[in-house]
PDB file of all heavy atoms in Angstrom:
ATOM      1  N   LEU A   1     -10.258  -5.779   2.409  1.00  0.00           N
ATOM      2  CA  LEU A   1      -9.133  -5.556   1.508  1.00  0.00           C
ATOM      3  C   LEU A   1      -9.611  -4.870   0.230  1.00  0.00           C
ATOM      4  O   LEU A   1     -10.762  -5.023  -0.181  1.00  0.00           O
ATOM      5  CB  LEU A   1      -8.463  -6.891   1.149  1.00  0.00           C
ATOM      6  CG  LEU A   1      -7.898  -7.714   2.302  1.00  0.00           C
ATOM      7  CD1 LEU A   1      -7.282  -9.004   1.763  1.00  0.00           C
ATOM      8  CD2 LEU A   1      -6.877  -6.922   3.108  1.00  0.00           C
ATOM      9  N   PHE A   2      -8.699  -4.138  -0.406  1.00  0.00           N
ATOM     10  CA  PHE A   2      -9.010  -3.556  -1.717  1.00  0.00           C
ATOM     11  C   PHE A   2      -8.986  -4.689  -2.743  1.00  0.00           C
ATOM     12  O   PHE A   2      -7.928  -5.295  -2.974  1.00  0.00           O
ATOM     13  CB  PHE A   2      -7.997  -2.493  -2.096  1.00  0.00           C
ATOM     14  CG  PHE A   2      -7.996  -1.287  -1.194  1.00  0.00           C
ATOM     15  CD1 PHE A   2      -6.882  -0.996  -0.425  1.00  0.00           C
ATOM     16  CD2 PHE A   2      -9.099  -0.454  -1.128  1.00  0.00           C
ATOM     17  CE1 PHE A   2      -6.870   0.117   0.407  1.00  0.00           C
ATOM     18  CE2 PHE A   2      -9.101   0.657  -0.303  1.00  0.00           C
ATOM     19  CZ  PHE A   2      -7.987   0.944   0.472  1.00  0.00           C
ATOM     20  N   PRO A   3     -10.116  -4.995  -3.408  1.00  0.00           N
ATOM     21  CA  PRO A   3     -10.155  -6.154  -4.309  1.00  0.00           C
ATOM     22  C   PRO A   3      -9.293  -5.995  -5.554  1.00  0.00           C
ATOM     23  O   PRO A   3      -8.876  -6.987  -6.147  1.00  0.00           O
ATOM     24  CB  PRO A   3     -11.641  -6.256  -4.679  1.00  0.00           C
ATOM     25  CG  PRO A   3     -12.184  -4.876  -4.480  1.00  0.00           C
ATOM     26  CD  PRO A   3     -11.414  -4.303  -3.325  1.00  0.00           C
ATOM     27  N   HIS A   4      -9.015  -4.739  -5.948  1.00  0.00           N
ATOM     28  CA  HIS A   4      -8.252  -4.490  -7.174  1.00  0.00           C
ATOM     29  C   HIS A   4      -6.760  -4.332  -6.911  1.00  0.00           C
ATOM     30  O   HIS A   4      -6.002  -3.985  -7.832  1.00  0.00           O
ATOM     31  CB  HIS A   4      -8.785  -3.226  -7.853  1.00  0.00           C
ATOM     32  CG  HIS A   4      -8.700  -1.995  -7.006  1.00  0.00           C
ATOM     33  ND1 HIS A   4      -9.480  -1.831  -5.885  1.00  0.00           N
ATOM     34  CD2 HIS A   4      -7.915  -0.887  -7.089  1.00  0.00           C
ATOM     35  CE1 HIS A   4      -9.199  -0.666  -5.330  1.00  0.00           C
ATOM     36  NE2 HIS A   4      -8.250  -0.083  -6.030  1.00  0.00           N
ATOM     37  N   ARG A   5      -6.325  -4.606  -5.687  1.00  0.00           N
ATOM     38  CA  ARG A   5      -4.908  -4.513  -5.349  1.00  0.00           C
ATOM     39  C   ARG A   5      -4.405  -5.857  -4.846  1.00  0.00           C
ATOM     40  O   ARG A   5      -5.136  -6.612  -4.217  1.00  0.00           O
ATOM     41  CB  ARG A   5      -4.675  -3.439  -4.285  1.00  0.00           C
ATOM     42  CG  ARG A   5      -5.035  -2.030  -4.748  1.00  0.00           C
ATOM     43  CD  ARG A   5      -4.599  -0.999  -3.730  1.00  0.00           C
ATOM     44  NE  ARG A   5      -5.005   0.354  -4.107  1.00  0.00           N
ATOM     45  CZ  ARG A   5      -4.343   1.139  -4.943  1.00  0.00           C
ATOM     46  NH1 ARG A   5      -3.216   0.679  -5.499  1.00  0.00           N
ATOM     47  NH2 ARG A   5      -4.771   2.340  -5.238  1.00  0.00           N
ATOM     48  N   THR A   6      -3.154  -6.156  -5.126  1.00  0.00           N
ATOM     49  CA  THR A   6      -2.573  -7.421  -4.679  1.00  0.00           C
ATOM     50  C   THR A   6      -2.412  -7.420  -3.163  1.00  0.00           C
ATOM     51  O   THR A   6      -2.564  -6.382  -2.500  1.00  0.00           O
ATOM     52  CB  THR A   6      -1.193  -7.645  -5.317  1.00  0.00           C
ATOM     53  OG1 THR A   6      -0.289  -6.635  -4.830  1.00  0.00           O
ATOM     54  CG2 THR A   6      -1.274  -7.593  -6.835  1.00  0.00           C
ATOM     55  N   ALA A   7      -2.059  -8.590  -2.635  1.00  0.00           N
ATOM     56  CA  ALA A   7      -1.825  -8.689  -1.196  1.00  0.00           C
ATOM     57  C   ALA A   7      -0.765  -7.689  -0.747  1.00  0.00           C
ATOM     58  O   ALA A   7      -0.944  -6.968   0.241  1.00  0.00           O
ATOM     59  CB  ALA A   7      -1.406 -10.117  -0.831  1.00  0.00           C
ATOM     60  N   LEU A   8       0.344  -7.624  -1.482  1.00  0.00           N
ATOM     61  CA  LEU A   8       1.411  -6.700  -1.117  1.00  0.00           C
ATOM     62  C   LEU A   8       0.948  -5.251  -1.218  1.00  0.00           C
ATOM     63  O   LEU A   8       1.241  -4.429  -0.336  1.00  0.00           O
ATOM     64  CB  LEU A   8       2.627  -6.921  -2.017  1.00  0.00           C
ATOM     65  CG  LEU A   8       3.832  -6.013  -1.745  1.00  0.00           C
ATOM     66  CD1 LEU A   8       4.350  -6.213  -0.323  1.00  0.00           C
ATOM     67  CD2 LEU A   8       4.934  -6.266  -2.766  1.00  0.00           C
ATOM     68  N   GLU A   9       0.221  -4.922  -2.270  1.00  0.00           N
ATOM     69  CA  GLU A   9      -0.263  -3.546  -2.434  1.00  0.00           C
ATOM     70  C   GLU A   9      -1.225  -3.161  -1.317  1.00  0.00           C
ATOM     71  O   GLU A   9      -1.232  -2.007  -0.857  1.00  0.00           O
ATOM     72  CB  GLU A   9      -0.932  -3.393  -3.798  1.00  0.00           C
ATOM     73  CG  GLU A   9       0.044  -3.419  -4.957  1.00  0.00           C
ATOM     74  CD  GLU A   9      -0.629  -3.547  -6.293  1.00  0.00           C
ATOM     75  OE1 GLU A   9      -1.813  -3.954  -6.349  1.00  0.00           O
ATOM     76  OE2 GLU A   9       0.024  -3.251  -7.319  1.00  0.00           O
ATOM     77  N   ASN A  10      -2.046  -4.110  -0.857  1.00  0.00           N
ATOM     78  CA  ASN A  10      -2.927  -3.833   0.270  1.00  0.00           C
ATOM     79  C   ASN A  10      -2.126  -3.512   1.525  1.00  0.00           C
ATOM     80  O   ASN A  10      -2.487  -2.615   2.285  1.00  0.00           O
ATOM     81  CB  ASN A  10      -3.842  -5.026   0.530  1.00  0.00           C
ATOM     82  CG  ASN A  10      -5.169  -4.936  -0.189  1.00  0.00           C
ATOM     83  OD1 ASN A  10      -6.092  -4.264   0.256  1.00  0.00           O
ATOM     84  ND2 ASN A  10      -5.261  -5.613  -1.332  1.00  0.00           N
ATOM     85  N   VAL A  11      -1.045  -4.256   1.742  1.00  0.00           N
ATOM     86  CA  VAL A  11      -0.245  -4.066   2.955  1.00  0.00           C
ATOM     87  C   VAL A  11       0.468  -2.720   2.954  1.00  0.00           C
ATOM     88  O   VAL A  11       0.545  -2.040   3.986  1.00  0.00           O
ATOM     89  CB  VAL A  11       0.764  -5.220   3.115  1.00  0.00           C
ATOM     90  CG1 VAL A  11       1.743  -4.931   4.257  1.00  0.00           C
ATOM     91  CG2 VAL A  11       0.044  -6.540   3.354  1.00  0.00           C
ATOM     92  N   ILE A  12       0.988  -2.299   1.799  1.00  0.00           N
ATOM     93  CA  ILE A  12       1.837  -1.105   1.774  1.00  0.00           C
ATOM     94  C   ILE A  12       1.070   0.184   1.468  1.00  0.00           C
ATOM     95  O   ILE A  12       1.672   1.272   1.494  1.00  0.00           O
ATOM     96  CB  ILE A  12       2.987  -1.271   0.763  1.00  0.00           C
ATOM     97  CG1 ILE A  12       2.457  -1.315  -0.675  1.00  0.00           C
ATOM     98  CG2 ILE A  12       3.797  -2.521   1.080  1.00  0.00           C
ATOM     99  CD1 ILE A  12       3.560  -1.391  -1.727  1.00  0.00           C
ATOM    100  N   GLU A  13      -0.226   0.094   1.209  1.00  0.00           N
ATOM    101  CA  GLU A  13      -0.998   1.286   0.846  1.00  0.00           C
ATOM    102  C   GLU A  13      -0.858   2.389   1.904  1.00  0.00           C
ATOM    103  O   GLU A  13      -0.610   3.556   1.584  1.00  0.00           O
ATOM    104  CB  GLU A  13      -2.466   0.912   0.658  1.00  0.00           C
ATOM    105  CG  GLU A  13      -3.378   2.067   0.271  1.00  0.00           C
ATOM    106  CD  GLU A  13      -3.234   2.490  -1.173  1.00  0.00           C
ATOM    107  OE1 GLU A  13      -2.542   1.792  -1.939  1.00  0.00           O
ATOM    108  OE2 GLU A  13      -3.823   3.526  -1.540  1.00  0.00           O
ATOM    109  N   GLY A  14      -1.021   2.023   3.170  1.00  0.00           N
ATOM    110  CA  GLY A  14      -0.944   3.031   4.224  1.00  0.00           C
ATOM    111  C   GLY A  14       0.445   3.626   4.366  1.00  0.00           C
ATOM    112  O   GLY A  14       0.594   4.822   4.670  1.00  0.00           O
ATOM    113  N   LEU A  15       1.469   2.808   4.169  1.00  0.00           N
ATOM    114  CA  LEU A  15       2.834   3.311   4.270  1.00  0.00           C
ATOM    115  C   LEU A  15       3.102   4.384   3.213  1.00  0.00           C
ATOM    116  O   LEU A  15       3.777   5.381   3.483  1.00  0.00           O
ATOM    117  CB  LEU A  15       3.823   2.158   4.105  1.00  0.00           C
ATOM    118  CG  LEU A  15       3.889   1.143   5.244  1.00  0.00           C
ATOM    119  CD1 LEU A  15       4.825  -0.003   4.881  1.00  0.00           C
ATOM    120  CD2 LEU A  15       4.331   1.803   6.538  1.00  0.00           C
ATOM    121  N   ILE A  16       2.583   4.181   2.021  1.00  0.00           N
ATOM    122  CA  ILE A  16       2.831   5.112   0.922  1.00  0.00           C
ATOM    123  C   ILE A  16       1.945   6.352   1.029  1.00  0.00           C
ATOM    124  O   ILE A  16       2.411   7.486   0.924  1.00  0.00           O
ATOM    125  CB  ILE A  16       2.621   4.404  -0.439  1.00  0.00           C
ATOM    126  CG1 ILE A  16       3.683   3.312  -0.623  1.00  0.00           C
ATOM    127  CG2 ILE A  16       2.678   5.412  -1.583  1.00  0.00           C
ATOM    128  CD1 ILE A  16       3.456   2.435  -1.831  1.00  0.00           C
ATOM    129  N   VAL A  17       0.641   6.135   1.261  1.00  0.00           N
ATOM    130  CA  VAL A  17      -0.320   7.242   1.224  1.00  0.00           C
ATOM    131  C   VAL A  17      -0.289   8.065   2.509  1.00  0.00           C
ATOM    132  O   VAL A  17      -0.319   9.295   2.480  1.00  0.00           O
ATOM    133  CB  VAL A  17      -1.743   6.704   0.965  1.00  0.00           C
ATOM    134  CG1 VAL A  17      -2.772   7.825   1.050  1.00  0.00           C
ATOM    135  CG2 VAL A  17      -1.814   6.019  -0.396  1.00  0.00           C
ATOM    136  N   VAL A  18      -0.246   7.367   3.657  1.00  0.00           N
ATOM    137  CA  VAL A  18      -0.338   8.068   4.946  1.00  0.00           C
ATOM    138  C   VAL A  18       1.035   8.461   5.479  1.00  0.00           C
ATOM    139  O   VAL A  18       1.271   9.609   5.864  1.00  0.00           O
ATOM    140  CB  VAL A  18      -1.080   7.199   5.980  1.00  0.00           C
ATOM    141  CG1 VAL A  18      -1.151   7.909   7.324  1.00  0.00           C
ATOM    142  CG2 VAL A  18      -2.483   6.867   5.486  1.00  0.00           C
ATOM    143  N   LYS A  19       1.966   7.507   5.470  1.00  0.00           N
ATOM    144  CA  LYS A  19       3.279   7.777   6.057  1.00  0.00           C
ATOM    145  C   LYS A  19       4.300   8.302   5.057  1.00  0.00           C
ATOM    146  O   LYS A  19       5.428   8.644   5.429  1.00  0.00           O
ATOM    147  CB  LYS A  19       3.812   6.519   6.742  1.00  0.00           C
ATOM    148  CG  LYS A  19       3.025   6.150   7.995  1.00  0.00           C
ATOM    149  CD  LYS A  19       3.821   5.232   8.899  1.00  0.00           C
ATOM    150  CE  LYS A  19       3.178   5.102  10.258  1.00  0.00           C
ATOM    151  NZ  LYS A  19       4.003   4.325  11.211  1.00  0.00           N
ATOM    152  N   ARG A  20       3.928   8.343   3.778  1.00  0.00           N
ATOM    153  CA  ARG A  20       4.767   8.929   2.729  1.00  0.00           C
ATOM    154  C   ARG A  20       6.103   8.207   2.534  1.00  0.00           C
ATOM    155  O   ARG A  20       7.122   8.819   2.225  1.00  0.00           O
ATOM    156  CB  ARG A  20       5.028  10.414   3.018  1.00  0.00           C
ATOM    157  CG  ARG A  20       3.777  11.247   3.203  1.00  0.00           C
ATOM    158  CD  ARG A  20       2.941  11.286   1.949  1.00  0.00           C
ATOM    159  NE  ARG A  20       1.765  12.139   2.096  1.00  0.00           N
ATOM    160  CZ  ARG A  20       0.814  12.297   1.169  1.00  0.00           C
ATOM    161  NH1 ARG A  20       0.934  11.643   0.012  1.00  0.00           N
ATOM    162  NH2 ARG A  20      -0.218  13.049   1.384  1.00  0.00           N
ATOM    163  N   TRP A  21       6.099   6.880   2.737  1.00  0.00           N
ATOM    164  CA  TRP A  21       7.306   6.103   2.463  1.00  0.00           C
ATOM    165  C   TRP A  21       7.523   6.036   0.954  1.00  0.00           C
ATOM    166  O   TRP A  21       6.556   6.056   0.167  1.00  0.00           O
ATOM    167  CB  TRP A  21       7.153   4.693   3.001  1.00  0.00           C
ATOM    168  CG  TRP A  21       7.319   4.550   4.495  1.00  0.00           C
ATOM    169  CD1 TRP A  21       6.991   5.455   5.455  1.00  0.00           C
ATOM    170  CD2 TRP A  21       7.841   3.402   5.164  1.00  0.00           C
ATOM    171  NE1 TRP A  21       7.266   4.940   6.703  1.00  0.00           N
ATOM    172  CE2 TRP A  21       7.792   3.687   6.555  1.00  0.00           C
ATOM    173  CE3 TRP A  21       8.337   2.174   4.752  1.00  0.00           C
ATOM    174  CZ2 TRP A  21       8.221   2.778   7.507  1.00  0.00           C
ATOM    175  CZ3 TRP A  21       8.766   1.267   5.699  1.00  0.00           C
ATOM    176  CH2 TRP A  21       8.719   1.562   7.066  1.00  0.00           C
ATOM    177  N   ASN A  22       8.756   5.902   0.521  1.00  0.00           N
ATOM    178  CA  ASN A  22       8.992   5.642  -0.899  1.00  0.00           C
ATOM    179  C   ASN A  22       8.626   4.176  -1.184  1.00  0.00           C
ATOM    180  O   ASN A  22       8.624   3.334  -0.277  1.00  0.00           O
ATOM    181  CB  ASN A  22      10.438   5.952  -1.312  1.00  0.00           C
ATOM    182  CG  ASN A  22      11.450   5.045  -0.648  1.00  0.00           C
ATOM    183  OD1 ASN A  22      11.455   3.826  -0.876  1.00  0.00           O
ATOM    184  ND2 ASN A  22      12.321   5.614   0.182  1.00  0.00           N
ATOM    185  N   ARG A  23       8.313   3.917  -2.433  1.00  0.00           N
ATOM    186  CA  ARG A  23       7.731   2.612  -2.771  1.00  0.00           C
ATOM    187  C   ARG A  23       8.693   1.451  -2.514  1.00  0.00           C
ATOM    188  O   ARG A  23       8.268   0.386  -2.077  1.00  0.00           O
ATOM    189  CB  ARG A  23       7.286   2.608  -4.239  1.00  0.00           C
ATOM    190  CG  ARG A  23       6.596   1.324  -4.672  1.00  0.00           C
ATOM    191  CD  ARG A  23       5.882   1.493  -5.992  1.00  0.00           C
ATOM    192  NE  ARG A  23       4.727   2.361  -5.854  1.00  0.00           N
ATOM    193  CZ  ARG A  23       3.521   1.935  -5.455  1.00  0.00           C
ATOM    194  NH1 ARG A  23       3.341   0.657  -5.147  1.00  0.00           N
ATOM    195  NH2 ARG A  23       2.513   2.776  -5.377  1.00  0.00           N
ATOM    196  N   SER A  24       9.977   1.629  -2.740  1.00  0.00           N
ATOM    197  CA  SER A  24      10.904   0.515  -2.544  1.00  0.00           C
ATOM    198  C   SER A  24      11.012   0.137  -1.075  1.00  0.00           C
ATOM    199  O   SER A  24      11.028  -1.050  -0.725  1.00  0.00           O
ATOM    200  CB  SER A  24      12.279   0.869  -3.121  1.00  0.00           C
ATOM    201  OG  SER A  24      12.827   1.986  -2.446  1.00  0.00           O
TER     202      SER A  24
END
């Protein structure tokens, strides 16, 4: 896990960066 990101931020990182989902 990324130590500087919360549990939720770790889960959604790929959705935002790779799949280009909007944050909400």
